[in-house]
Amino acid sequence: EQFYELKFEHNNVPVEGSESKGIYLTGNNHSDDLFMYIYKNIGQDLNLEKNTTYEMDIRFSLATNVPAGMAGIGGSPGESVYVKAGVIGQEPSATEDDNGYLRMNFDKGNQGSEGKELATLGTISKDDGSEDTSYAFKEFSTTVTVETDDEGNAYLVIGTDSGFEGLSFIYIDDIMINYSVK
């Protein structure tokens, strides 16, 4: 964690005119492949039925300070940091492989490519046209299908998959989920 300068906090979102608290994530990508994420067991919160397939609409805001079109090491600090989200039927975890790399226990895809369980929704570059480093909100949404486990668990996962070799700073806010049995 120290090498990658990973940090997670519940903090004020620094978007002008906003009085919101969001989930702050930061990390320094030294490996050209850093996945930072948050997750929550929504199955328990939503009292989902066990072994049941649900369709879920996920919406959230992401505050970013990265202007579009910037160059960087390994890729752009905006266009090479991909936003991903999904709901999975098992608790997310990472295990070390034989080469010393951490691998997720679900298919998130790699950088801009989607996985079986996480959709690639866009990037962290600002789309408001501003070239300064003030924070602005971007809206993201996706619809996914998930089957709960034998205890009714399902885990919301939101994160970034970075090809940019440097520090990234984001805030995740206003997460909303609508769901129905499929």
N, C-alpha and C. Protein backbone atom coordinates (compact mmCIF):
# COMPACT_ATOMS: atom_id res chain seq x y z
N GLU A 1 0.81 -1.20 0.00
CA GLU A 1 0.00 0.00 0.00
C GLU A 1 0.85 1.26 0.00
N GLN A 2 1.99 1.25 0.72
CA GLN A 2 2.83 2.44 0.75
C GLN A 2 3.42 2.73 -0.62
N PHE A 3 3.91 1.71 -1.31
CA PHE A 3 4.53 1.90 -2.61
C PHE A 3 3.56 2.51 -3.61
N TYR A 4 2.30 2.07 -3.56
CA TYR A 4 1.29 2.58 -4.49
C TYR A 4 0.56 3.81 -3.95
N GLU A 5 0.91 4.25 -2.74
CA GLU A 5 0.33 5.45 -2.13
C GLU A 5 -1.20 5.38 -2.13
N LEU A 6 -1.74 4.20 -1.83
CA LEU A 6 -3.19 4.02 -1.83
C LEU A 6 -3.80 4.70 -0.62
N LYS A 7 -4.94 5.35 -0.87
CA LYS A 7 -5.64 6.04 0.21
C LYS A 7 -7.13 5.98 -0.07
N PHE A 8 -7.91 5.80 1.00
CA PHE A 8 -9.35 5.71 0.93
C PHE A 8 -9.91 6.52 2.09
N GLU A 9 -10.80 7.46 1.81
CA GLU A 9 -11.40 8.29 2.86
C GLU A 9 -12.82 8.67 2.47
N HIS A 10 -13.63 8.95 3.47
CA HIS A 10 -14.92 9.58 3.26
C HIS A 10 -14.66 11.07 3.51
N ASN A 11 -14.81 11.90 2.46
CA ASN A 11 -14.32 13.26 2.53
C ASN A 11 -15.23 14.21 1.77
N ASN A 12 -15.09 15.50 2.03
CA ASN A 12 -15.81 16.52 1.25
C ASN A 12 -15.37 16.46 -0.20
N VAL A 13 -16.35 16.51 -1.11
CA VAL A 13 -16.04 16.52 -2.54
C VAL A 13 -15.75 17.96 -2.95
N PRO A 14 -14.56 18.24 -3.52
CA PRO A 14 -14.17 19.63 -3.80
C PRO A 14 -14.70 20.18 -5.13
N VAL A 15 -15.97 19.93 -5.44
CA VAL A 15 -16.59 20.51 -6.63
C VAL A 15 -17.26 21.82 -6.19
N GLU A 16 -16.92 22.91 -6.89
CA GLU A 16 -17.46 24.21 -6.53
C GLU A 16 -18.99 24.17 -6.51
N GLY A 17 -19.57 24.67 -5.42
CA GLY A 17 -21.02 24.69 -5.28
C GLY A 17 -21.61 23.42 -4.71
N SER A 18 -20.78 22.41 -4.50
CA SER A 18 -21.25 21.13 -3.96
C SER A 18 -21.03 21.09 -2.46
N GLU A 19 -21.98 20.56 -1.74
CA GLU A 19 -21.82 20.35 -0.30
C GLU A 19 -21.95 18.88 -0.01
N SER A 20 -21.24 18.08 -0.74
CA SER A 20 -21.38 16.64 -0.68
C SER A 20 -20.14 15.99 -0.07
N LYS A 21 -20.36 14.84 0.55
CA LYS A 21 -19.25 14.00 0.99
C LYS A 21 -19.24 12.78 0.08
N GLY A 22 -18.07 12.38 -0.34
CA GLY A 22 -17.94 11.23 -1.21
C GLY A 22 -16.80 10.34 -0.76
N ILE A 23 -16.59 9.28 -1.51
CA ILE A 23 -15.52 8.34 -1.22
C ILE A 23 -14.31 8.75 -2.05
N TYR A 24 -13.25 9.15 -1.38
CA TYR A 24 -12.02 9.60 -2.01
C TYR A 24 -11.09 8.41 -2.19
N LEU A 25 -10.62 8.22 -3.42
CA LEU A 25 -9.63 7.18 -3.74
C LEU A 25 -8.44 7.81 -4.43
N THR A 26 -7.26 7.41 -4.03
CA THR A 26 -6.06 7.83 -4.72
C THR A 26 -5.06 6.68 -4.73
N GLY A 27 -4.24 6.68 -5.77
CA GLY A 27 -3.19 5.68 -5.88
C GLY A 27 -2.18 6.09 -6.93
N ASN A 28 -0.96 5.59 -6.79
CA ASN A 28 0.12 5.90 -7.71
C ASN A 28 0.45 4.63 -8.49
N ASN A 29 0.19 4.65 -9.78
CA ASN A 29 0.35 3.49 -10.64
C ASN A 29 1.80 3.38 -11.12
N HIS A 30 2.58 2.53 -10.47
CA HIS A 30 3.97 2.31 -10.88
C HIS A 30 4.11 1.16 -11.88
N SER A 31 3.04 0.37 -12.04
CA SER A 31 3.15 -0.87 -12.80
C SER A 31 2.45 -0.82 -14.15
N ASP A 32 1.88 0.32 -14.54
CA ASP A 32 1.11 0.45 -15.77
C ASP A 32 -0.18 -0.37 -15.72
N ASP A 33 -0.61 -0.76 -14.52
CA ASP A 33 -1.84 -1.54 -14.41
C ASP A 33 -2.31 -1.54 -12.95
N LEU A 34 -2.98 -0.46 -12.52
CA LEU A 34 -3.46 -0.35 -11.15
C LEU A 34 -4.97 -0.32 -11.15
N PHE A 35 -5.59 -1.25 -10.41
CA PHE A 35 -7.04 -1.29 -10.24
C PHE A 35 -7.35 -0.85 -8.82
N MET A 36 -8.03 0.30 -8.67
CA MET A 36 -8.48 0.79 -7.37
C MET A 36 -10.00 0.66 -7.36
N TYR A 37 -10.54 0.19 -6.23
CA TYR A 37 -11.98 -0.02 -6.21
C TYR A 37 -12.55 0.07 -4.81
N ILE A 38 -13.86 0.26 -4.77
CA ILE A 38 -14.63 0.16 -3.54
C ILE A 38 -15.66 -0.93 -3.78
N TYR A 39 -16.12 -1.53 -2.69
CA TYR A 39 -17.21 -2.50 -2.82
C TYR A 39 -18.06 -2.49 -1.57
N LYS A 40 -19.28 -2.96 -1.74
CA LYS A 40 -20.22 -3.06 -0.62
C LYS A 40 -21.15 -4.23 -0.87
N ASN A 41 -21.47 -4.97 0.18
CA ASN A 41 -22.43 -6.05 0.09
C ASN A 41 -23.83 -5.43 0.09
N ILE A 42 -24.39 -5.24 -1.08
CA ILE A 42 -25.73 -4.64 -1.18
C ILE A 42 -26.82 -5.68 -0.98
N GLY A 43 -26.48 -6.95 -1.07
CA GLY A 43 -27.45 -8.02 -0.86
C GLY A 43 -28.08 -7.94 0.52
N GLN A 44 -27.25 -7.70 1.51
CA GLN A 44 -27.75 -7.60 2.88
C GLN A 44 -28.56 -6.31 3.07
N ASP A 45 -28.06 -5.21 2.55
CA ASP A 45 -28.76 -3.93 2.70
C ASP A 45 -30.13 -3.92 2.03
N LEU A 46 -30.22 -4.59 0.87
CA LEU A 46 -31.46 -4.59 0.10
C LEU A 46 -32.34 -5.81 0.38
N ASN A 47 -31.90 -6.65 1.32
CA ASN A 47 -32.65 -7.88 1.66
C ASN A 47 -32.94 -8.72 0.42
N LEU A 48 -31.93 -8.95 -0.40
CA LEU A 48 -32.11 -9.73 -1.62
C LEU A 48 -32.31 -11.20 -1.28
N GLU A 49 -33.08 -11.88 -2.10
CA GLU A 49 -33.35 -13.31 -1.93
C GLU A 49 -32.12 -14.12 -2.32
N LYS A 50 -31.94 -15.25 -1.68
CA LYS A 50 -30.79 -16.11 -2.01
C LYS A 50 -31.01 -16.80 -3.35
N ASN A 51 -29.90 -17.05 -4.05
CA ASN A 51 -29.89 -17.77 -5.33
C ASN A 51 -30.94 -17.24 -6.31
N THR A 52 -31.00 -15.92 -6.41
CA THR A 52 -31.98 -15.26 -7.27
C THR A 52 -31.25 -14.33 -8.23
N THR A 53 -31.72 -14.28 -9.48
CA THR A 53 -31.12 -13.41 -10.49
C THR A 53 -31.84 -12.07 -10.49
N TYR A 54 -31.05 -10.99 -10.41
CA TYR A 54 -31.57 -9.63 -10.40
C TYR A 54 -30.99 -8.84 -11.56
N GLU A 55 -31.77 -7.91 -12.06
CA GLU A 55 -31.27 -6.89 -12.97
C GLU A 55 -31.12 -5.62 -12.15
N MET A 56 -29.95 -4.98 -12.24
CA MET A 56 -29.65 -3.81 -11.42
C MET A 56 -29.19 -2.66 -12.28
N ASP A 57 -29.82 -1.51 -12.06
CA ASP A 57 -29.40 -0.26 -12.69
C ASP A 57 -28.55 0.48 -11.67
N ILE A 58 -27.31 0.76 -12.05
CA ILE A 58 -26.35 1.45 -11.17
C ILE A 58 -26.11 2.84 -11.74
N ARG A 59 -26.16 3.84 -10.88
CA ARG A 59 -25.83 5.22 -11.26
C ARG A 59 -24.95 5.81 -10.16
N PHE A 60 -23.97 6.60 -10.58
CA PHE A 60 -23.13 7.28 -9.60
C PHE A 60 -22.44 8.47 -10.26
N SER A 61 -21.97 9.36 -9.42
CA SER A 61 -21.18 10.51 -9.87
C SER A 61 -19.73 10.28 -9.49
N LEU A 62 -18.85 10.79 -10.31
CA LEU A 62 -17.42 10.72 -10.04
C LEU A 62 -16.86 12.13 -10.23
N ALA A 63 -16.18 12.63 -9.20
CA ALA A 63 -15.55 13.95 -9.30
C ALA A 63 -14.09 13.75 -9.70
N THR A 64 -13.69 14.46 -10.74
CA THR A 64 -12.33 14.36 -11.27
C THR A 64 -11.79 15.76 -11.54
N ASN A 65 -10.46 15.87 -11.54
CA ASN A 65 -9.82 17.15 -11.83
C ASN A 65 -8.89 17.06 -13.05
N VAL A 66 -9.06 16.03 -13.88
CA VAL A 66 -8.15 15.79 -14.99
C VAL A 66 -8.74 16.31 -16.30
N PRO A 67 -8.16 17.36 -16.89
CA PRO A 67 -8.63 17.84 -18.19
C PRO A 67 -8.43 16.79 -19.28
N ALA A 68 -9.26 16.82 -20.29
CA ALA A 68 -9.12 15.91 -21.42
C ALA A 68 -7.89 16.28 -22.25
N GLY A 69 -7.32 15.30 -22.94
CA GLY A 69 -6.26 15.54 -23.91
C GLY A 69 -4.87 15.71 -23.35
N MET A 70 -4.65 15.35 -22.10
CA MET A 70 -3.31 15.49 -21.52
C MET A 70 -2.46 14.27 -21.86
N ALA A 71 -1.16 14.48 -21.97
CA ALA A 71 -0.22 13.38 -22.19
C ALA A 71 0.35 12.94 -20.85
N GLY A 72 0.77 11.67 -20.78
CA GLY A 72 1.35 11.16 -19.54
C GLY A 72 2.17 9.93 -19.81
N ILE A 73 2.82 9.43 -18.77
CA ILE A 73 3.64 8.23 -18.87
C ILE A 73 2.73 7.01 -18.93
N GLY A 74 2.91 6.16 -19.92
CA GLY A 74 2.10 4.97 -20.08
C GLY A 74 0.74 5.26 -20.68
N GLY A 75 0.36 6.50 -20.71
CA GLY A 75 -0.94 6.91 -21.24
C GLY A 75 -1.37 8.21 -20.60
N SER A 76 -2.51 8.69 -21.02
CA SER A 76 -3.06 9.94 -20.51
C SER A 76 -3.54 9.79 -19.07
N PRO A 77 -3.36 10.83 -18.23
CA PRO A 77 -3.87 10.75 -16.86
C PRO A 77 -5.40 10.75 -16.80
N GLY A 78 -6.06 11.07 -17.91
CA GLY A 78 -7.52 11.04 -17.96
C GLY A 78 -8.05 9.92 -18.81
N GLU A 79 -7.66 9.91 -20.09
CA GLU A 79 -8.20 8.94 -21.04
C GLU A 79 -7.64 7.53 -20.87
N SER A 80 -6.60 7.34 -20.06
CA SER A 80 -6.05 6.00 -19.82
C SER A 80 -6.40 5.47 -18.43
N VAL A 81 -7.32 6.16 -17.74
CA VAL A 81 -7.81 5.69 -16.45
C VAL A 81 -9.31 5.42 -16.64
N TYR A 82 -9.66 4.14 -16.69
CA TYR A 82 -11.01 3.70 -17.06
C TYR A 82 -11.87 3.47 -15.83
N VAL A 83 -13.12 3.93 -15.90
CA VAL A 83 -14.08 3.76 -14.83
C VAL A 83 -14.86 2.47 -15.09
N LYS A 84 -14.97 1.63 -14.06
CA LYS A 84 -15.65 0.34 -14.19
C LYS A 84 -16.64 0.16 -13.05
N ALA A 85 -17.71 -0.59 -13.33
CA ALA A 85 -18.69 -0.88 -12.29
C ALA A 85 -19.44 -2.16 -12.62
N GLY A 86 -19.94 -2.80 -11.59
CA GLY A 86 -20.75 -3.99 -11.75
C GLY A 86 -21.20 -4.50 -10.40
N VAL A 87 -21.95 -5.58 -10.42
CA VAL A 87 -22.38 -6.27 -9.20
C VAL A 87 -22.00 -7.73 -9.38
N ILE A 88 -21.33 -8.29 -8.38
CA ILE A 88 -20.86 -9.67 -8.48
C ILE A 88 -21.43 -10.50 -7.33
N GLY A 89 -21.46 -11.81 -7.50
CA GLY A 89 -22.06 -12.70 -6.54
C GLY A 89 -21.13 -13.25 -5.48
N GLN A 90 -19.89 -12.75 -5.42
CA GLN A 90 -18.94 -13.19 -4.41
C GLN A 90 -18.19 -11.98 -3.88
N GLU A 91 -17.72 -12.06 -2.65
CA GLU A 91 -16.98 -10.93 -2.09
C GLU A 91 -15.67 -10.74 -2.84
N PRO A 92 -15.40 -9.51 -3.30
CA PRO A 92 -14.16 -9.25 -4.03
C PRO A 92 -12.93 -9.44 -3.14
N SER A 93 -11.90 -10.03 -3.73
CA SER A 93 -10.62 -10.15 -3.03
C SER A 93 -9.51 -10.29 -4.06
N ALA A 94 -8.31 -10.04 -3.61
CA ALA A 94 -7.13 -10.16 -4.47
C ALA A 94 -6.20 -11.19 -3.86
N THR A 95 -5.61 -12.01 -4.72
CA THR A 95 -4.62 -12.98 -4.27
C THR A 95 -3.36 -12.83 -5.12
N GLU A 96 -2.24 -13.15 -4.52
CA GLU A 96 -0.97 -13.02 -5.22
C GLU A 96 -0.73 -14.24 -6.11
N ASP A 97 -0.36 -13.96 -7.38
CA ASP A 97 -0.07 -15.06 -8.30
C ASP A 97 1.40 -15.48 -8.17
N ASP A 98 1.84 -16.44 -8.99
CA ASP A 98 3.20 -16.96 -8.92
C ASP A 98 4.27 -15.93 -9.25
N ASN A 99 3.88 -14.84 -9.93
CA ASN A 99 4.83 -13.79 -10.30
C ASN A 99 4.83 -12.62 -9.32
N GLY A 100 4.04 -12.72 -8.24
CA GLY A 100 4.00 -11.67 -7.25
C GLY A 100 2.98 -10.58 -7.53
N TYR A 101 2.16 -10.75 -8.58
CA TYR A 101 1.11 -9.78 -8.91
C TYR A 101 -0.17 -10.14 -8.19
N LEU A 102 -0.92 -9.11 -7.78
CA LEU A 102 -2.23 -9.35 -7.18
C LEU A 102 -3.26 -9.50 -8.29
N ARG A 103 -4.09 -10.53 -8.20
CA ARG A 103 -5.14 -10.81 -9.18
C ARG A 103 -6.48 -10.85 -8.47
N MET A 104 -7.49 -10.27 -9.09
CA MET A 104 -8.83 -10.25 -8.52
C MET A 104 -9.49 -11.61 -8.70
N ASN A 105 -10.45 -11.90 -7.85
CA ASN A 105 -11.19 -13.17 -7.94
C ASN A 105 -12.44 -13.02 -8.82
N PHE A 106 -12.48 -11.98 -9.63
CA PHE A 106 -13.56 -11.79 -10.59
C PHE A 106 -12.97 -11.18 -11.86
N ASP A 107 -13.72 -11.26 -12.95
CA ASP A 107 -13.23 -10.77 -14.24
C ASP A 107 -13.63 -9.31 -14.42
N LYS A 108 -12.67 -8.42 -14.23
CA LYS A 108 -12.88 -6.99 -14.39
C LYS A 108 -12.48 -6.50 -15.78
N GLY A 109 -11.89 -7.38 -16.59
CA GLY A 109 -11.31 -6.94 -17.85
C GLY A 109 -9.95 -6.32 -17.56
N ASN A 110 -9.36 -5.68 -18.57
CA ASN A 110 -8.08 -5.04 -18.37
C ASN A 110 -8.10 -3.66 -19.01
N GLN A 111 -7.89 -2.66 -18.18
CA GLN A 111 -7.91 -1.26 -18.59
C GLN A 111 -9.17 -0.97 -19.39
N GLY A 112 -9.10 -0.65 -20.68
CA GLY A 112 -10.28 -0.26 -21.45
C GLY A 112 -11.19 -1.40 -21.84
N SER A 113 -10.75 -2.63 -21.69
CA SER A 113 -11.60 -3.76 -22.08
C SER A 113 -12.49 -4.18 -20.91
N GLU A 114 -13.72 -4.57 -21.25
CA GLU A 114 -14.66 -5.02 -20.23
C GLU A 114 -14.34 -6.43 -19.79
N GLY A 115 -14.77 -6.76 -18.60
CA GLY A 115 -14.70 -8.11 -18.12
C GLY A 115 -16.09 -8.73 -18.11
N LYS A 116 -16.16 -9.96 -17.70
CA LYS A 116 -17.46 -10.63 -17.62
C LYS A 116 -18.32 -10.02 -16.52
N GLU A 117 -17.67 -9.45 -15.50
CA GLU A 117 -18.43 -8.98 -14.34
C GLU A 117 -18.41 -7.46 -14.14
N LEU A 118 -17.50 -6.75 -14.78
CA LEU A 118 -17.49 -5.29 -14.67
C LEU A 118 -17.57 -4.68 -16.05
N ALA A 119 -18.40 -3.65 -16.17
CA ALA A 119 -18.51 -2.90 -17.43
C ALA A 119 -17.54 -1.73 -17.40
N THR A 120 -16.98 -1.41 -18.54
CA THR A 120 -16.15 -0.20 -18.69
C THR A 120 -17.08 0.92 -19.10
N LEU A 121 -17.14 1.98 -18.29
CA LEU A 121 -18.15 3.03 -18.46
C LEU A 121 -17.60 4.32 -19.07
N GLY A 122 -16.31 4.49 -19.09
CA GLY A 122 -15.70 5.72 -19.59
C GLY A 122 -14.36 5.93 -18.93
N THR A 123 -13.92 7.17 -18.90
CA THR A 123 -12.63 7.51 -18.30
C THR A 123 -12.81 8.62 -17.28
N ILE A 124 -11.73 8.96 -16.58
CA ILE A 124 -11.81 10.02 -15.57
C ILE A 124 -11.52 11.41 -16.13
N SER A 125 -11.31 11.55 -17.43
CA SER A 125 -11.06 12.89 -17.96
C SER A 125 -12.34 13.71 -17.88
N LYS A 126 -12.20 14.99 -17.54
CA LYS A 126 -13.36 15.88 -17.45
C LYS A 126 -13.97 16.04 -18.84
N ASP A 127 -15.28 16.12 -18.88
CA ASP A 127 -15.93 16.32 -20.17
C ASP A 127 -16.61 17.68 -20.26
N ASP A 128 -16.24 18.59 -19.35
CA ASP A 128 -16.84 19.93 -19.39
C ASP A 128 -16.03 20.92 -20.22
N GLY A 129 -14.93 20.46 -20.82
CA GLY A 129 -14.12 21.32 -21.68
C GLY A 129 -13.13 22.20 -20.94
N SER A 130 -13.17 22.22 -19.62
CA SER A 130 -12.24 23.08 -18.87
C SER A 130 -10.84 22.49 -18.90
N GLU A 131 -9.86 23.37 -18.88
CA GLU A 131 -8.47 22.94 -18.94
C GLU A 131 -7.74 23.14 -17.62
N ASP A 132 -8.46 23.61 -16.59
CA ASP A 132 -7.83 23.79 -15.28
C ASP A 132 -7.94 22.49 -14.49
N THR A 133 -7.43 22.51 -13.28
CA THR A 133 -7.45 21.30 -12.46
C THR A 133 -8.50 21.38 -11.34
N SER A 134 -9.55 22.17 -11.56
CA SER A 134 -10.66 22.15 -10.61
C SER A 134 -11.45 20.86 -10.81
N TYR A 135 -12.12 20.44 -9.76
CA TYR A 135 -12.90 19.21 -9.84
C TYR A 135 -14.27 19.47 -10.47
N ALA A 136 -14.73 18.50 -11.24
CA ALA A 136 -16.05 18.53 -11.85
C ALA A 136 -16.64 17.13 -11.78
N PHE A 137 -17.98 17.07 -11.70
CA PHE A 137 -18.65 15.77 -11.67
C PHE A 137 -18.82 15.21 -13.07
N LYS A 138 -18.73 13.89 -13.17
CA LYS A 138 -19.12 13.12 -14.35
C LYS A 138 -20.13 12.09 -13.87
N GLU A 139 -21.12 11.83 -14.70
CA GLU A 139 -22.16 10.86 -14.34
C GLU A 139 -21.91 9.55 -15.09
N PHE A 140 -22.11 8.43 -14.40
CA PHE A 140 -21.93 7.12 -14.99
C PHE A 140 -23.14 6.25 -14.65
N SER A 141 -23.45 5.33 -15.56
CA SER A 141 -24.54 4.39 -15.30
C SER A 141 -24.33 3.12 -16.11
N THR A 142 -24.89 2.04 -15.61
CA THR A 142 -24.86 0.76 -16.30
C THR A 142 -25.98 -0.11 -15.76
N THR A 143 -26.38 -1.09 -16.54
CA THR A 143 -27.34 -2.10 -16.11
C THR A 143 -26.67 -3.46 -16.17
N VAL A 144 -26.77 -4.21 -15.08
CA VAL A 144 -26.10 -5.50 -14.98
C VAL A 144 -27.07 -6.55 -14.46
N THR A 145 -26.71 -7.80 -14.68
CA THR A 145 -27.46 -8.93 -14.14
C THR A 145 -26.54 -9.68 -13.20
N VAL A 146 -27.07 -10.07 -12.04
CA VAL A 146 -26.28 -10.80 -11.05
C VAL A 146 -27.15 -11.84 -10.38
N GLU A 147 -26.53 -12.96 -10.04
CA GLU A 147 -27.22 -13.97 -9.22
C GLU A 147 -26.63 -13.91 -7.82
N THR A 148 -27.49 -13.78 -6.84
CA THR A 148 -27.04 -13.76 -5.45
C THR A 148 -26.55 -15.16 -5.05
N ASP A 149 -25.76 -15.22 -4.00
CA ASP A 149 -25.28 -16.51 -3.52
C ASP A 149 -26.32 -17.16 -2.61
N ASP A 150 -25.95 -18.23 -1.94
CA ASP A 150 -26.92 -18.96 -1.13
C ASP A 150 -27.26 -18.28 0.20
N GLU A 151 -26.73 -17.06 0.40
CA GLU A 151 -27.11 -16.24 1.56
C GLU A 151 -27.73 -14.92 1.12
N GLY A 152 -27.92 -14.72 -0.18
CA GLY A 152 -28.50 -13.48 -0.68
C GLY A 152 -27.49 -12.36 -0.86
N ASN A 153 -26.21 -12.68 -0.84
CA ASN A 153 -25.17 -11.66 -1.00
C ASN A 153 -24.96 -11.28 -2.46
N ALA A 154 -24.73 -10.00 -2.68
CA ALA A 154 -24.32 -9.46 -3.98
C ALA A 154 -23.49 -8.23 -3.67
N TYR A 155 -22.40 -8.04 -4.40
CA TYR A 155 -21.44 -6.99 -4.08
C TYR A 155 -21.33 -5.97 -5.20
N LEU A 156 -21.66 -4.72 -4.88
CA LEU A 156 -21.46 -3.61 -5.81
C LEU A 156 -19.97 -3.30 -5.84
N VAL A 157 -19.40 -3.18 -7.05
CA VAL A 157 -17.99 -2.84 -7.22
C VAL A 157 -17.90 -1.64 -8.15
N ILE A 158 -17.21 -0.58 -7.72
CA ILE A 158 -16.95 0.60 -8.55
C ILE A 158 -15.47 0.90 -8.43
N GLY A 159 -14.80 1.15 -9.56
CA GLY A 159 -13.38 1.44 -9.48
C GLY A 159 -12.80 2.00 -10.75
N THR A 160 -11.49 2.14 -10.74
CA THR A 160 -10.75 2.60 -11.92
C THR A 160 -9.68 1.58 -12.26
N ASP A 161 -9.43 1.42 -13.55
CA ASP A 161 -8.40 0.51 -14.05
C ASP A 161 -7.45 1.36 -14.88
N SER A 162 -6.25 1.59 -14.37
CA SER A 162 -5.37 2.62 -14.90
C SER A 162 -4.21 2.08 -15.72
N GLY A 163 -3.98 2.72 -16.86
CA GLY A 163 -2.78 2.50 -17.65
C GLY A 163 -1.83 3.69 -17.53
N PHE A 164 -2.27 4.75 -16.86
CA PHE A 164 -1.45 5.95 -16.63
C PHE A 164 -0.52 5.68 -15.46
N GLU A 165 0.77 5.90 -15.67
CA GLU A 165 1.75 5.67 -14.61
C GLU A 165 1.99 6.95 -13.83
N GLY A 166 1.16 7.15 -12.83
CA GLY A 166 1.25 8.32 -11.97
C GLY A 166 0.10 8.32 -10.98
N LEU A 167 -0.04 9.43 -10.26
CA LEU A 167 -1.09 9.57 -9.25
C LEU A 167 -2.43 9.88 -9.88
N SER A 168 -3.47 9.24 -9.40
CA SER A 168 -4.85 9.55 -9.77
C SER A 168 -5.62 9.86 -8.49
N PHE A 169 -6.55 10.81 -8.57
CA PHE A 169 -7.36 11.23 -7.44
C PHE A 169 -8.81 11.32 -7.91
N ILE A 170 -9.71 10.60 -7.27
CA ILE A 170 -11.13 10.70 -7.64
C ILE A 170 -11.99 10.68 -6.38
N TYR A 171 -13.24 11.11 -6.55
CA TYR A 171 -14.26 11.03 -5.52
C TYR A 171 -15.47 10.33 -6.14
N ILE A 172 -16.01 9.34 -5.47
CA ILE A 172 -17.22 8.65 -5.92
C ILE A 172 -18.36 9.10 -5.03
N ASP A 173 -19.48 9.49 -5.63
CA ASP A 173 -20.57 10.11 -4.88
C ASP A 173 -21.91 9.70 -5.48
N ASP A 174 -22.96 9.89 -4.71
CA ASP A 174 -24.35 9.72 -5.16
C ASP A 174 -24.60 8.38 -5.84
N ILE A 175 -24.22 7.30 -5.19
CA ILE A 175 -24.44 5.96 -5.75
C ILE A 175 -25.92 5.59 -5.55
N MET A 176 -26.56 5.19 -6.65
CA MET A 176 -27.96 4.76 -6.60
C MET A 176 -28.12 3.45 -7.34
N ILE A 177 -28.96 2.57 -6.79
CA ILE A 177 -29.22 1.28 -7.41
C ILE A 177 -30.72 1.04 -7.43
N ASN A 178 -31.26 0.71 -8.58
CA ASN A 178 -32.62 0.22 -8.74
C ASN A 178 -32.51 -1.22 -9.20
N TYR A 179 -33.39 -2.08 -8.73
CA TYR A 179 -33.27 -3.49 -9.07
C TYR A 179 -34.63 -4.15 -9.18
N SER A 180 -34.64 -5.26 -9.91
CA SER A 180 -35.84 -6.07 -10.02
C SER A 180 -35.41 -7.51 -10.27
N VAL A 181 -36.29 -8.45 -9.90
CA VAL A 181 -36.02 -9.86 -10.16
C VAL A 181 -36.11 -10.08 -11.66
N LYS A 182 -35.16 -10.82 -12.19
CA LYS A 182 -35.15 -11.07 -13.63
C LYS A 182 -35.78 -12.41 -13.95
